[in-house]
Amino acid sequence: MLSTNADEVAGELIGEFSDFEERFEEERDRALREAQRLAKQRVPVETGRLRDDISIDLEQDRLFNTLEYSIYQNWGTEDIEPTFYLTDSAIDAFQASVERLRS
């Protein structure tokens, strides 16, 4: 009769996957908080309303502003230089997150 340790190996893999999944969820939330912190540092401040409006939604995994003019400040217009305060902050935070997950 042939015997294997397939059940043992499968159990170990499931355990490792569960650990990674938990670590990933924690890292995702950490990255969103970091992106928010970076965006608040990078956004140009005149009155502070735009900076104060930078928010995260951990349920929907997003970094955002609700003020109408935020899109113009981030992406720019013919008359406004783009600052990419939201997009660059999100990219930087998530790249750092990927590096942490790799280690």
N, C-alpha and C. Protein backbone atom coordinates (compact mmCIF):
# COMPACT_ATOMS: atom_id res chain seq x y z
N MET A 1 0.84 -1.18 0.00
CA MET A 1 0.00 0.00 0.00
C MET A 1 0.88 1.25 0.00
N LEU A 2 0.48 2.22 -0.75
CA LEU A 2 1.19 3.47 -0.89
C LEU A 2 0.66 4.47 0.13
N SER A 3 1.57 5.11 0.86
CA SER A 3 1.13 6.13 1.82
C SER A 3 1.82 7.45 1.49
N THR A 4 1.12 8.52 1.75
CA THR A 4 1.67 9.86 1.48
C THR A 4 1.40 10.75 2.68
N ASN A 5 2.02 11.88 2.63
CA ASN A 5 1.77 12.88 3.67
C ASN A 5 0.97 14.06 3.08
N ALA A 6 0.15 13.76 2.06
CA ALA A 6 -0.62 14.80 1.35
C ALA A 6 -1.52 15.57 2.31
N ASP A 7 -2.18 14.89 3.23
CA ASP A 7 -3.06 15.59 4.17
C ASP A 7 -2.27 16.56 5.04
N GLU A 8 -1.10 16.14 5.47
CA GLU A 8 -0.24 16.99 6.30
C GLU A 8 0.23 18.21 5.51
N VAL A 9 0.67 17.99 4.28
CA VAL A 9 1.13 19.09 3.43
C VAL A 9 -0.02 20.05 3.14
N ALA A 10 -1.17 19.52 2.81
CA ALA A 10 -2.35 20.35 2.53
C ALA A 10 -2.71 21.19 3.75
N GLY A 11 -2.67 20.59 4.91
CA GLY A 11 -2.97 21.32 6.15
C GLY A 11 -2.00 22.46 6.39
N GLU A 12 -0.71 22.20 6.15
CA GLU A 12 0.30 23.24 6.32
C GLU A 12 0.08 24.39 5.33
N LEU A 13 -0.23 24.04 4.07
CA LEU A 13 -0.47 25.08 3.05
C LEU A 13 -1.70 25.92 3.39
N ILE A 14 -2.74 25.29 3.86
CA ILE A 14 -3.95 26.03 4.24
C ILE A 14 -3.63 26.97 5.40
N GLY A 15 -2.85 26.49 6.35
CA GLY A 15 -2.44 27.33 7.48
C GLY A 15 -1.61 28.51 7.03
N GLU A 16 -0.67 28.28 6.13
CA GLU A 16 0.16 29.37 5.61
C GLU A 16 -0.68 30.37 4.83
N PHE A 17 -1.63 29.88 4.04
CA PHE A 17 -2.50 30.78 3.28
C PHE A 17 -3.33 31.63 4.23
N SER A 18 -3.87 31.03 5.28
CA SER A 18 -4.67 31.78 6.25
C SER A 18 -3.83 32.85 6.93
N ASP A 19 -2.60 32.51 7.28
CA ASP A 19 -1.70 33.49 7.89
C ASP A 19 -1.42 34.65 6.93
N PHE A 20 -1.17 34.32 5.65
CA PHE A 20 -0.90 35.35 4.66
C PHE A 20 -2.13 36.24 4.45
N GLU A 21 -3.29 35.62 4.39
CA GLU A 21 -4.53 36.37 4.18
C GLU A 21 -4.74 37.38 5.31
N GLU A 22 -4.51 36.96 6.53
CA GLU A 22 -4.65 37.85 7.69
C GLU A 22 -3.61 38.97 7.62
N ARG A 23 -2.39 38.61 7.30
CA ARG A 23 -1.31 39.60 7.18
C ARG A 23 -1.61 40.59 6.06
N PHE A 24 -2.16 40.09 4.95
CA PHE A 24 -2.51 40.96 3.82
C PHE A 24 -3.56 41.98 4.22
N GLU A 25 -4.61 41.53 4.93
CA GLU A 25 -5.67 42.44 5.34
C GLU A 25 -5.14 43.52 6.28
N GLU A 26 -4.29 43.14 7.21
CA GLU A 26 -3.68 44.12 8.11
C GLU A 26 -2.81 45.10 7.33
N GLU A 27 -2.06 44.59 6.37
CA GLU A 27 -1.17 45.43 5.57
C GLU A 27 -1.96 46.38 4.68
N ARG A 28 -3.07 45.91 4.14
CA ARG A 28 -3.92 46.77 3.30
C ARG A 28 -4.42 47.96 4.11
N ASP A 29 -4.90 47.73 5.32
CA ASP A 29 -5.37 48.82 6.17
C ASP A 29 -4.22 49.76 6.54
N ARG A 30 -3.08 49.20 6.82
CA ARG A 30 -1.89 50.01 7.13
C ARG A 30 -1.53 50.89 5.94
N ALA A 31 -1.58 50.34 4.74
CA ALA A 31 -1.24 51.10 3.54
C ALA A 31 -2.23 52.25 3.32
N LEU A 32 -3.50 52.00 3.54
CA LEU A 32 -4.49 53.07 3.39
C LEU A 32 -4.25 54.19 4.39
N ARG A 33 -3.95 53.85 5.61
CA ARG A 33 -3.66 54.87 6.63
C ARG A 33 -2.39 55.65 6.26
N GLU A 34 -1.40 54.94 5.77
CA GLU A 34 -0.15 55.59 5.35
C GLU A 34 -0.41 56.51 4.15
N ALA A 35 -1.21 56.07 3.20
CA ALA A 35 -1.54 56.90 2.04
C ALA A 35 -2.24 58.18 2.48
N GLN A 36 -3.14 58.06 3.44
CA GLN A 36 -3.84 59.23 3.96
C GLN A 36 -2.85 60.19 4.62
N ARG A 37 -1.95 59.65 5.42
CA ARG A 37 -0.95 60.49 6.10
C ARG A 37 -0.07 61.21 5.08
N LEU A 38 0.39 60.48 4.07
CA LEU A 38 1.23 61.09 3.03
C LEU A 38 0.47 62.17 2.26
N ALA A 39 -0.78 61.88 1.91
CA ALA A 39 -1.58 62.85 1.16
C ALA A 39 -1.77 64.14 1.96
N LYS A 40 -1.99 64.01 3.25
CA LYS A 40 -2.17 65.20 4.09
C LYS A 40 -0.88 66.01 4.19
N GLN A 41 0.26 65.36 4.06
CA GLN A 41 1.54 66.08 4.05
C GLN A 41 1.79 66.76 2.70
N ARG A 42 1.32 66.15 1.63
CA ARG A 42 1.64 66.60 0.27
C ARG A 42 0.67 67.61 -0.32
N VAL A 43 -0.56 67.61 0.15
CA VAL A 43 -1.57 68.47 -0.45
C VAL A 43 -1.21 69.95 -0.20
N PRO A 44 -1.34 70.78 -1.23
CA PRO A 44 -1.12 72.20 -1.01
C PRO A 44 -2.20 72.75 -0.06
N VAL A 45 -1.79 73.60 0.86
CA VAL A 45 -2.73 74.10 1.86
C VAL A 45 -2.88 75.61 1.73
N GLU A 46 -4.13 76.00 1.52
CA GLU A 46 -4.45 77.43 1.54
C GLU A 46 -5.32 77.69 2.76
N THR A 47 -6.44 76.98 2.85
CA THR A 47 -7.34 77.13 4.00
C THR A 47 -7.30 75.91 4.91
N GLY A 48 -6.83 74.79 4.41
CA GLY A 48 -6.80 73.55 5.18
C GLY A 48 -8.01 72.67 4.96
N ARG A 49 -9.02 73.17 4.25
CA ARG A 49 -10.23 72.38 4.02
C ARG A 49 -9.94 71.11 3.23
N LEU A 50 -9.13 71.23 2.19
CA LEU A 50 -8.83 70.08 1.36
C LEU A 50 -8.04 69.03 2.14
N ARG A 51 -7.06 69.48 2.90
CA ARG A 51 -6.27 68.56 3.72
C ARG A 51 -7.16 67.86 4.74
N ASP A 52 -8.02 68.63 5.40
CA ASP A 52 -8.89 68.05 6.43
C ASP A 52 -9.91 67.08 5.85
N ASP A 53 -10.21 67.20 4.57
CA ASP A 53 -11.21 66.36 3.92
C ASP A 53 -10.64 65.03 3.40
N ILE A 54 -9.32 64.87 3.40
CA ILE A 54 -8.72 63.62 2.91
C ILE A 54 -9.15 62.48 3.83
N SER A 55 -9.79 61.49 3.25
CA SER A 55 -10.38 60.40 4.04
C SER A 55 -10.02 59.05 3.45
N ILE A 56 -10.22 58.03 4.28
CA ILE A 56 -10.07 56.65 3.81
C ILE A 56 -11.33 55.89 4.18
N ASP A 57 -11.62 54.88 3.40
CA ASP A 57 -12.74 53.96 3.67
C ASP A 57 -12.13 52.56 3.66
N LEU A 58 -11.96 51.99 4.84
CA LEU A 58 -11.34 50.68 4.96
C LEU A 58 -12.24 49.57 4.41
N GLU A 59 -13.54 49.79 4.41
CA GLU A 59 -14.46 48.78 3.88
C GLU A 59 -14.38 48.70 2.35
N GLN A 60 -14.19 49.86 1.71
CA GLN A 60 -14.13 49.90 0.24
C GLN A 60 -12.71 50.08 -0.27
N ASP A 61 -11.74 50.07 0.62
CA ASP A 61 -10.32 50.18 0.25
C ASP A 61 -10.07 51.40 -0.63
N ARG A 62 -10.40 52.59 -0.12
CA ARG A 62 -10.18 53.76 -0.95
C ARG A 62 -9.73 54.97 -0.13
N LEU A 63 -8.98 55.81 -0.81
CA LEU A 63 -8.50 57.10 -0.32
C LEU A 63 -9.20 58.14 -1.17
N PHE A 64 -9.77 59.17 -0.54
CA PHE A 64 -10.58 60.10 -1.33
C PHE A 64 -10.75 61.45 -0.66
N ASN A 65 -11.22 62.41 -1.45
CA ASN A 65 -11.70 63.71 -1.00
C ASN A 65 -13.14 63.84 -1.46
N THR A 66 -13.93 64.61 -0.73
CA THR A 66 -15.31 64.85 -1.14
C THR A 66 -15.53 66.25 -1.70
N LEU A 67 -14.55 67.12 -1.56
CA LEU A 67 -14.69 68.49 -2.06
C LEU A 67 -14.60 68.51 -3.58
N GLU A 68 -15.47 69.30 -4.19
CA GLU A 68 -15.54 69.37 -5.65
C GLU A 68 -14.21 69.67 -6.32
N TYR A 69 -13.45 70.57 -5.74
CA TYR A 69 -12.22 71.01 -6.39
C TYR A 69 -11.03 70.08 -6.17
N SER A 70 -11.21 69.04 -5.40
CA SER A 70 -10.08 68.14 -5.12
C SER A 70 -9.53 67.49 -6.38
N ILE A 71 -10.40 67.12 -7.31
CA ILE A 71 -9.95 66.47 -8.54
C ILE A 71 -9.05 67.40 -9.35
N TYR A 72 -9.38 68.69 -9.34
CA TYR A 72 -8.58 69.65 -10.10
C TYR A 72 -7.21 69.86 -9.45
N GLN A 73 -7.20 69.83 -8.12
CA GLN A 73 -5.92 69.98 -7.42
C GLN A 73 -5.03 68.76 -7.66
N ASN A 74 -5.61 67.59 -7.64
CA ASN A 74 -4.83 66.37 -7.85
C ASN A 74 -4.37 66.23 -9.29
N TRP A 75 -5.30 66.31 -10.24
CA TRP A 75 -5.00 66.05 -11.65
C TRP A 75 -4.63 67.28 -12.45
N GLY A 76 -4.95 68.47 -11.93
CA GLY A 76 -4.63 69.70 -12.64
C GLY A 76 -5.66 70.06 -13.69
N THR A 77 -5.49 71.26 -14.23
CA THR A 77 -6.33 71.77 -15.31
C THR A 77 -5.41 72.57 -16.23
N GLU A 78 -6.00 73.27 -17.17
CA GLU A 78 -5.20 74.15 -18.01
C GLU A 78 -4.48 75.21 -17.19
N ASP A 79 -5.13 75.65 -16.12
CA ASP A 79 -4.60 76.74 -15.30
C ASP A 79 -3.97 76.30 -13.99
N ILE A 80 -4.16 75.05 -13.60
CA ILE A 80 -3.65 74.56 -12.32
C ILE A 80 -2.70 73.40 -12.58
N GLU A 81 -1.50 73.51 -12.03
CA GLU A 81 -0.54 72.41 -12.13
C GLU A 81 -1.03 71.23 -11.29
N PRO A 82 -0.95 70.03 -11.82
CA PRO A 82 -1.35 68.88 -11.00
C PRO A 82 -0.38 68.67 -9.84
N THR A 83 -0.90 68.23 -8.73
CA THR A 83 -0.04 67.92 -7.59
C THR A 83 0.04 66.41 -7.33
N PHE A 84 -0.95 65.66 -7.80
CA PHE A 84 -1.01 64.21 -7.61
C PHE A 84 -0.86 63.80 -6.14
N TYR A 85 -1.33 64.67 -5.25
CA TYR A 85 -1.18 64.39 -3.82
C TYR A 85 -1.88 63.10 -3.41
N LEU A 86 -3.03 62.79 -4.01
CA LEU A 86 -3.73 61.55 -3.68
C LEU A 86 -3.11 60.36 -4.41
N THR A 87 -2.94 60.49 -5.72
CA THR A 87 -2.46 59.35 -6.49
C THR A 87 -1.04 58.95 -6.11
N ASP A 88 -0.15 59.91 -5.98
CA ASP A 88 1.23 59.58 -5.61
C ASP A 88 1.31 58.98 -4.20
N SER A 89 0.50 59.51 -3.30
CA SER A 89 0.50 58.97 -1.93
C SER A 89 0.01 57.54 -1.91
N ALA A 90 -1.04 57.25 -2.67
CA ALA A 90 -1.56 55.89 -2.73
C ALA A 90 -0.52 54.94 -3.34
N ILE A 91 0.10 55.36 -4.42
CA ILE A 91 1.11 54.53 -5.08
C ILE A 91 2.28 54.26 -4.14
N ASP A 92 2.78 55.30 -3.50
CA ASP A 92 3.93 55.14 -2.60
C ASP A 92 3.60 54.22 -1.42
N ALA A 93 2.43 54.41 -0.84
CA ALA A 93 2.04 53.59 0.31
C ALA A 93 1.86 52.13 -0.08
N PHE A 94 1.27 51.89 -1.22
CA PHE A 94 1.03 50.51 -1.62
C PHE A 94 2.31 49.82 -2.12
N GLN A 95 3.22 50.57 -2.71
CA GLN A 95 4.51 49.98 -3.07
C GLN A 95 5.28 49.57 -1.82
N ALA A 96 5.25 50.41 -0.80
CA ALA A 96 5.89 50.07 0.47
C ALA A 96 5.22 48.84 1.09
N SER A 97 3.92 48.76 0.94
CA SER A 97 3.17 47.63 1.47
C SER A 97 3.57 46.32 0.79
N VAL A 98 3.70 46.37 -0.51
CA VAL A 98 4.12 45.17 -1.25
C VAL A 98 5.49 44.72 -0.80
N GLU A 99 6.39 45.67 -0.61
CA GLU A 99 7.73 45.32 -0.14
C GLU A 99 7.68 44.66 1.24
N ARG A 100 6.84 45.17 2.11
CA ARG A 100 6.71 44.56 3.45
C ARG A 100 6.14 43.15 3.35
N LEU A 101 5.18 42.95 2.44
CA LEU A 101 4.60 41.61 2.28
C LEU A 101 5.60 40.62 1.69
N ARG A 102 6.52 41.11 0.89
CA ARG A 102 7.54 40.22 0.29
C ARG A 102 8.52 39.71 1.31
N SER A 103 8.70 40.45 2.38
CA SER A 103 9.72 40.05 3.37
C SER A 103 9.18 39.11 4.41
